[in-house]
Protein backbone atom coordinates (compact mmCIF):
# COMPACT_ATOMS: atom_id res chain seq x y z
CA UNK A 1 0.00 0.00 0.00
CA UNK A 2 2.88 2.37 0.76
CA UNK A 3 4.00 2.11 -2.86
CA UNK A 4 0.65 3.41 -4.10
CA UNK A 5 0.54 6.23 -1.56
CA UNK A 6 4.08 7.32 -2.49
CA UNK A 7 3.11 7.11 -6.16
CA UNK A 8 0.08 9.35 -5.57
CA UNK A 9 2.19 11.94 -3.70
CA UNK A 10 4.86 11.90 -6.41
CA UNK A 11 2.17 12.36 -9.04
CA UNK A 12 0.90 15.50 -7.30
CA UNK A 13 4.41 16.94 -7.67
CA UNK A 14 4.72 15.65 -11.24
CA UNK A 15 1.47 17.21 -12.47
CA UNK A 16 2.20 20.46 -10.69
CA UNK A 17 5.51 20.56 -12.57
CA UNK A 18 3.66 19.91 -15.83
CA UNK A 19 1.14 22.65 -15.01
CA UNK A 20 3.72 25.32 -14.15
CA UNK A 21 6.71 24.41 -16.35
CA UNK A 22 5.82 22.20 -19.31
CA UNK A 23 2.31 23.40 -20.14
CA UNK A 24 3.25 27.05 -20.92
CA UNK A 25 5.90 25.86 -23.40
CA UNK A 26 3.50 23.43 -25.08
CA UNK A 27 0.74 26.04 -25.29
CA UNK A 28 3.08 28.65 -26.75
CA UNK A 29 4.33 26.14 -29.32
CA UNK A 30 0.81 25.17 -30.44
CA UNK A 31 -0.94 28.52 -29.89
CA UNK A 32 1.30 31.56 -30.60
CA UNK A 33 -1.37 33.86 -29.14
CA UNK A 34 -1.08 32.14 -25.74
CA UNK A 35 1.07 34.90 -24.17
CA UNK A 36 -1.45 37.58 -25.18
CA UNK A 37 -4.23 35.99 -23.15
CA UNK A 38 -5.13 37.12 -19.64
CA UNK A 39 -3.55 35.16 -16.80
CA UNK A 40 -6.75 33.32 -15.87
CA UNK A 41 -7.10 31.89 -19.38
CA UNK A 42 -3.41 30.97 -19.58
CA UNK A 43 -3.76 28.98 -16.35
CA UNK A 44 -6.87 27.31 -17.76
CA UNK A 45 -4.91 26.28 -20.84
CA UNK A 46 -2.12 24.98 -18.61
CA UNK A 47 -4.72 22.82 -16.90
CA UNK A 48 -5.78 21.56 -20.31
CA UNK A 49 -2.26 20.41 -21.17
CA UNK A 50 -1.88 18.68 -17.82
CA UNK A 51 -5.30 17.00 -18.12
CA UNK A 52 -4.63 15.88 -21.68
CA UNK A 53 -1.27 14.34 -20.83
CA UNK A 54 -2.60 12.52 -17.79
CA UNK A 55 -5.76 11.31 -19.53
CA UNK A 56 -3.76 9.79 -22.39
CA UNK A 57 -1.71 7.78 -19.88
CA UNK A 58 -4.82 6.72 -17.94
CA UNK A 59 -6.70 5.77 -21.11
CA UNK A 60 -3.85 3.64 -22.45
CA UNK A 61 -3.49 1.78 -19.14
CA UNK A 62 -7.20 1.31 -18.37
CA UNK A 63 -8.24 0.25 -21.88
CA UNK A 64 -5.27 -2.11 -21.99
CA UNK A 65 -6.40 -3.78 -18.76
CA UNK A 66 -10.00 -3.95 -19.99
CA UNK A 67 -9.14 -5.71 -23.26
CA UNK A 68 -5.91 -7.56 -22.45
CA UNK A 69 -6.16 -8.64 -18.82
CA UNK A 70 -8.99 -11.23 -18.63
CA UNK A 71 -8.24 -11.96 -14.98
CA UNK A 72 -9.67 -8.53 -14.17
CA UNK A 73 -13.33 -9.45 -14.47
CA UNK A 74 -16.61 -8.23 -12.91
CA UNK A 75 -16.94 -11.44 -10.88
CA UNK A 76 -13.62 -10.97 -9.08
CA UNK A 77 -14.28 -8.59 -6.20
CA UNK A 78 -11.49 -8.72 -3.61
CA UNK A 79 -8.53 -8.98 -5.94
CA UNK A 80 -5.33 -6.96 -5.78
CA UNK A 81 -4.20 -5.76 -9.20
CA UNK A 82 -1.03 -3.62 -8.89
CA UNK A 83 -1.38 -2.18 -12.40
CA UNK A 84 -4.89 -0.96 -11.56
CA UNK A 85 -3.92 0.57 -8.21
CA UNK A 86 -0.85 2.27 -9.70
CA UNK A 87 -3.06 3.69 -12.45
CA UNK A 88 -5.45 5.00 -9.80
CA UNK A 89 -2.52 6.59 -7.94
CA UNK A 90 -1.71 8.57 -11.12
CA UNK A 91 -5.34 9.63 -11.35
CA UNK A 92 -5.48 10.59 -7.66
CA UNK A 93 -2.28 12.64 -7.88
CA UNK A 94 -3.56 14.50 -10.91
CA UNK A 95 -6.94 15.17 -9.27
CA UNK A 96 -5.24 16.78 -6.27
CA UNK A 97 -3.05 18.80 -8.64
CA UNK A 98 -6.11 19.88 -10.63
CA UNK A 99 -7.89 21.13 -7.51
CA UNK A 100 -4.75 23.08 -6.54
CA UNK A 101 -4.63 24.57 -10.04
CA UNK A 102 -8.27 25.65 -9.77
CA UNK A 103 -7.42 27.33 -6.47
CA UNK A 104 -4.45 29.17 -8.05
CA UNK A 105 -6.68 30.21 -10.91
CA UNK A 106 -9.40 31.50 -8.57
CA UNK A 107 -12.12 29.30 -10.12
CA UNK A 108 -12.41 26.73 -7.35
CA UNK A 109 -15.84 27.93 -6.25
CA UNK A 110 -16.92 29.22 -9.68
CA UNK A 111 -16.77 25.87 -11.47
CA UNK A 112 -19.32 24.15 -9.22
CA UNK A 113 -20.03 21.18 -11.50
CA UNK A 114 -16.32 20.59 -12.08
CA UNK A 115 -15.56 20.94 -8.37
CA UNK A 116 -18.29 18.39 -7.59
CA UNK A 117 -16.75 16.08 -10.19
CA UNK A 118 -13.24 16.49 -8.77
CA UNK A 119 -14.32 15.99 -5.15
CA UNK A 120 -16.16 12.80 -6.14
CA UNK A 121 -13.10 11.69 -8.12
CA UNK A 122 -10.83 12.54 -5.19
CA UNK A 123 -12.71 10.23 -2.83
CA UNK A 124 -13.03 7.54 -5.51
CA UNK A 125 -9.31 7.74 -6.21
CA UNK A 126 -8.53 7.47 -2.50
CA UNK A 127 -10.64 4.32 -2.23
CA UNK A 128 -9.05 2.88 -5.39
CA UNK A 129 -5.57 3.36 -3.92
CA UNK A 130 -6.33 2.17 -0.38
CA UNK A 131 -8.61 -0.76 -1.27
CA UNK A 132 -7.89 -3.80 -3.43
CA UNK A 133 -11.54 -4.52 -4.23
CA UNK A 134 -13.54 -4.20 -7.47
CA UNK A 135 -10.59 -3.66 -9.87
CA UNK A 136 -12.83 -4.24 -12.90
CA UNK A 137 -15.15 -1.40 -11.93
CA UNK A 138 -12.21 0.85 -11.13
CA UNK A 139 -10.99 0.26 -14.69
CA UNK A 140 -14.42 1.20 -16.08
CA UNK A 141 -14.22 4.43 -14.10
CA UNK A 142 -10.75 5.26 -15.49
CA UNK A 143 -11.79 4.45 -19.07
CA UNK A 144 -13.93 7.59 -19.03
CA UNK A 145 -10.74 9.64 -19.52
CA UNK A 146 -10.87 8.74 -23.22
CA UNK A 147 -12.68 11.99 -24.08
CA UNK A 148 -10.65 14.37 -21.89
CA UNK A 149 -7.99 15.32 -24.52
CA UNK A 150 -10.70 16.45 -26.93
CA UNK A 151 -12.64 18.35 -24.26
CA UNK A 152 -9.45 20.15 -23.27
CA UNK A 153 -8.42 20.90 -26.86
CA UNK A 154 -11.85 22.32 -27.64
CA UNK A 155 -11.55 24.76 -24.76
CA UNK A 156 -8.03 25.85 -25.76
CA UNK A 157 -9.13 26.37 -29.37
CA UNK A 158 -12.01 28.48 -28.11
CA UNK A 159 -9.76 30.67 -25.93
CA UNK A 160 -7.39 31.32 -28.82
CA UNK A 161 -10.13 32.34 -31.27
CA UNK A 162 -10.17 29.18 -33.39
CA UNK A 163 -13.92 28.66 -33.14
CA UNK A 164 -14.48 28.85 -36.90
CA UNK A 165 -11.55 26.61 -37.81
CA UNK A 166 -11.91 23.09 -39.23
CA UNK A 167 -9.85 21.79 -36.31
CA UNK A 168 -12.43 23.12 -33.84
CA UNK A 169 -15.31 21.53 -35.76
CA UNK A 170 -13.61 18.15 -36.27
CA UNK A 171 -12.43 18.04 -32.67
CA UNK A 172 -15.98 18.78 -31.52
CA UNK A 173 -17.38 15.74 -33.34
CA UNK A 174 -14.60 13.48 -32.06
CA UNK A 175 -15.23 14.83 -28.55
CA UNK A 176 -18.92 13.88 -28.70
CA UNK A 177 -18.15 10.36 -29.93
CA UNK A 178 -15.40 9.64 -27.39
CA UNK A 179 -17.45 11.17 -24.57
CA UNK A 180 -20.32 8.84 -25.46
CA UNK A 181 -18.06 5.77 -25.63
CA UNK A 182 -16.09 6.48 -22.46
CA UNK A 183 -18.71 8.03 -20.21
CA UNK A 184 -22.24 7.26 -21.43
CA UNK A 185 -22.25 3.88 -23.19
CA UNK A 186 -20.39 2.39 -20.24
CA UNK A 187 -23.13 3.29 -17.71
CA UNK A 188 -25.52 0.36 -18.41
CA UNK A 189 -22.53 -2.02 -18.66
CA UNK A 190 -21.35 -0.91 -15.24
CA UNK A 191 -24.72 -1.32 -13.55
CA UNK A 192 -25.41 -4.66 -15.24
CA UNK A 193 -22.32 -6.13 -13.59
CA UNK A 194 -22.50 -4.13 -10.33
CA UNK A 195 -26.15 -4.88 -9.56
CA UNK A 196 -25.53 -8.50 -8.40
CA UNK A 197 -22.87 -7.27 -5.94
CA UNK A 198 -25.29 -4.68 -4.54
CA UNK A 199 -28.18 -7.15 -4.18
CA UNK A 200 -25.98 -9.79 -2.57
CA UNK A 201 -24.51 -7.21 -0.19
CA UNK A 202 -20.96 -8.01 -1.31
CA UNK A 203 -20.15 -4.37 -1.98
CA UNK A 204 -21.04 -3.49 1.62
CA UNK A 205 -18.90 -6.33 2.97
CA UNK A 206 -15.80 -4.98 1.21
CA UNK A 207 -16.17 -1.64 3.00
CA UNK A 208 -18.48 1.33 3.43
CA UNK A 209 -16.18 3.52 1.37
CA UNK A 210 -16.37 1.07 -1.54
CA UNK A 211 -20.16 1.12 -1.29
CA UNK A 212 -20.25 4.94 -1.24
CA UNK A 213 -17.95 5.06 -4.27
CA UNK A 214 -19.54 2.23 -6.25
CA UNK A 215 -23.14 3.34 -5.75
CA UNK A 216 -23.48 6.97 -4.69
CA UNK A 217 -20.46 8.70 -6.23
CA UNK A 218 -20.72 6.72 -9.46
CA UNK A 219 -24.35 7.90 -9.70
CA UNK A 220 -23.28 11.52 -9.14
CA UNK A 221 -20.67 11.24 -11.90
CA UNK A 222 -23.22 9.58 -14.19
CA UNK A 223 -25.63 12.49 -13.73
CA UNK A 224 -22.89 15.03 -14.46
CA UNK A 225 -21.73 13.14 -17.53
CA UNK A 226 -25.25 12.79 -18.91
CA UNK A 227 -25.80 16.53 -18.38
CA UNK A 228 -22.53 17.42 -20.12
CA UNK A 229 -23.23 15.00 -22.97
CA UNK A 230 -26.66 16.55 -23.47
CA UNK A 231 -25.03 19.96 -23.85
CA UNK A 232 -22.41 18.58 -26.26
CA UNK A 233 -24.99 16.79 -28.36
CA UNK A 234 -27.23 19.85 -28.49
CA UNK A 235 -24.28 21.98 -29.64
CA UNK A 236 -23.25 19.44 -32.29
CA UNK A 237 -26.80 19.18 -33.68
CA UNK A 238 -27.15 22.96 -33.70
CA UNK A 239 -23.90 23.24 -35.67
CA UNK A 240 -25.08 20.64 -38.20
CA UNK A 241 -28.43 22.42 -38.68
CA UNK A 242 -26.74 25.81 -39.15
CA UNK A 243 -24.23 24.31 -41.59
CA UNK A 244 -27.02 22.71 -43.62
CA UNK A 245 -28.96 26.00 -43.67
């Protein structure tokens, strides 16, 4: 367990370094107008670089486990999978770093939906690091990071005035598709396999924190994701209608 805790702490430092040192260089390389933006927007774009980098790592690891590690299955509950817990430690470290970045930026209390998402993720990440139960469902949770690079890129393109570019439009469509695959389509799959553990009481036997995460917090995240997907889909359809007109 100490290994995972140390990994989480090191990842806080790592993603803070990415946020403050690497992200400005990457943003300036991709978006020459980056330095002309106000500080609040530059920090937001730094968050986007950090989130994109972390989400790519999390997606590669979680989707690899899902497709290539058959021993991680929905029927195996109390099963220690080091690759899963180390992946969660990366996620937990980045979540803490993201909350710190929001505080630096002064948007911690302004972005209420995002703060709710991060607090839920913070507790879920803590449980994923400290507990060795439900690795399959932890992987499903991490697979949702598939859409994050495209969500982040869309925001950065918007800040730098690229709204009418082909890159913005194409990225928007890819964002909707990946968001659906990683965060919406997975909801019924999750509950189909989790329901037997809830009915049998197995999830409560593993620990109250696992039950809170697996039932309550997952539901909160589902509601947020459905709300965000609705807004994305509405925007995409509106763009298609306007383009056709």
